[in-house]
Amino acid sequence: MATSKDLTVWGIHAGKTGDADALFLKKHVVAIGWDAMGDLGTLAPTREAFKARAQKVYPDAKTGAIPLIGGQNFRFVHEAQVGDLIAYPS
């Protein structure tokens, strides 16, 4: 993410098979694909809650991956805003 005074730009890499193109470019929405995380709206609005869910649903993930998974999901839900720009290499 890059931020200026009036502009926030997020970089999202998604859809190894090109599936994201249909969603991002044709339907004009952005999503992340951590399906096992479930409904992120049910989690407490803390990074710790998101990391705890990641640990629960990805028990075989490397220890260092848990903060990354939790953090990416937290930022998508609680920091990304309507009007932010998305850089998506397709």
Protein backbone atom coordinates (compact mmCIF):
# COMPACT_ATOMS: atom_id res chain seq x y z
CA MET A 1 0.00 0.00 0.00
CA ALA A 2 1.19 3.49 -0.83
CA THR A 3 -0.43 6.53 0.74
CA SER A 4 -0.31 10.21 -0.10
CA LYS A 5 -2.21 13.04 1.49
CA ASP A 6 -5.38 12.33 -0.50
CA LEU A 7 -4.78 8.99 -2.18
CA THR A 8 -4.33 5.40 -1.03
CA VAL A 9 -3.25 2.71 -3.47
CA TRP A 10 -3.38 -1.00 -2.62
CA GLY A 11 -1.56 -3.69 -4.56
CA ILE A 12 -3.46 -6.95 -4.87
CA HIS A 13 -2.10 -10.07 -6.54
CA ALA A 14 -4.91 -12.53 -7.03
CA GLY A 15 -6.20 -15.40 -9.11
CA LYS A 16 -3.37 -17.66 -10.21
CA THR A 17 -5.73 -19.03 -12.85
CA GLY A 18 -7.12 -15.69 -13.98
CA ASP A 19 -10.34 -16.11 -11.99
CA ALA A 20 -9.93 -12.68 -10.43
CA ASP A 21 -10.17 -10.95 -13.81
CA ALA A 22 -13.87 -11.71 -14.09
CA LEU A 23 -14.55 -10.40 -10.61
CA PHE A 24 -12.19 -7.42 -10.50
CA LEU A 25 -12.38 -6.15 -14.06
CA LYS A 26 -15.86 -7.16 -15.19
CA LYS A 27 -17.88 -6.81 -11.98
CA HIS A 28 -15.80 -3.93 -10.58
CA VAL A 29 -15.32 -5.41 -7.12
CA VAL A 30 -12.25 -6.44 -5.18
CA ALA A 31 -11.99 -9.53 -3.02
CA ILE A 32 -9.41 -11.62 -1.26
CA GLY A 33 -9.44 -15.39 -1.35
CA TRP A 34 -8.86 -16.74 2.12
CA ASP A 35 -12.08 -18.79 2.07
CA ALA A 36 -11.26 -20.76 5.21
CA MET A 37 -11.20 -17.51 7.20
CA GLY A 38 -15.00 -17.40 6.90
CA ASP A 39 -17.09 -14.31 7.59
CA LEU A 40 -14.54 -11.69 8.59
CA GLY A 41 -17.33 -9.45 9.86
CA THR A 42 -17.83 -11.78 12.82
CA LEU A 43 -14.32 -11.20 14.17
CA ALA A 44 -13.42 -8.62 16.78
CA PRO A 45 -11.81 -5.62 15.06
CA THR A 46 -8.30 -6.45 16.27
CA ARG A 47 -5.29 -7.91 14.53
CA GLU A 48 -5.07 -10.51 17.29
CA ALA A 49 -8.57 -11.81 16.50
CA PHE A 50 -7.66 -12.15 12.83
CA LYS A 51 -4.39 -13.92 13.66
CA ALA A 52 -6.21 -16.29 16.02
CA ARG A 53 -8.70 -17.21 13.27
CA ALA A 54 -5.84 -17.75 10.81
CA GLN A 55 -4.10 -20.06 13.29
CA LYS A 56 -7.33 -22.00 13.83
CA VAL A 57 -8.22 -22.50 10.17
CA TYR A 58 -4.66 -22.94 8.87
CA PRO A 59 -3.10 -25.12 11.60
CA ASP A 60 -0.37 -26.39 9.26
CA ALA A 61 0.75 -22.93 8.17
CA LYS A 62 4.27 -21.88 9.06
CA THR A 63 4.46 -19.76 12.19
CA GLY A 64 5.55 -16.68 10.21
CA ALA A 65 2.60 -17.02 7.82
CA ILE A 66 -0.05 -16.56 10.50
CA PRO A 67 0.64 -12.83 11.15
CA LEU A 68 0.72 -12.24 7.39
CA ILE A 69 -2.60 -13.98 6.75
CA GLY A 70 -4.24 -12.32 9.73
CA GLY A 71 -2.80 -8.92 8.85
CA GLN A 72 -3.82 -9.03 5.20
CA ASN A 73 -7.37 -9.92 6.13
CA PHE A 74 -7.51 -7.30 8.90
CA ARG A 75 -6.28 -4.53 6.60
CA PHE A 76 -8.73 -5.52 3.84
CA VAL A 77 -11.66 -5.28 6.25
CA HIS A 78 -10.61 -2.38 8.47
CA GLU A 79 -8.26 -0.18 6.46
CA ALA A 80 -9.23 -0.40 2.78
CA GLN A 81 -11.88 2.19 1.92
CA VAL A 82 -14.28 2.84 -0.90
CA GLY A 83 -12.47 5.26 -3.23
CA ASP A 84 -9.00 3.79 -2.63
CA LEU A 85 -7.21 2.76 -5.80
CA ILE A 86 -6.27 -0.84 -6.53
CA ALA A 87 -3.23 -1.85 -8.56
CA TYR A 88 -3.91 -5.31 -9.95
CA PRO A 89 -1.51 -6.87 -12.45
CA SER A 90 -3.53 -8.94 -14.89
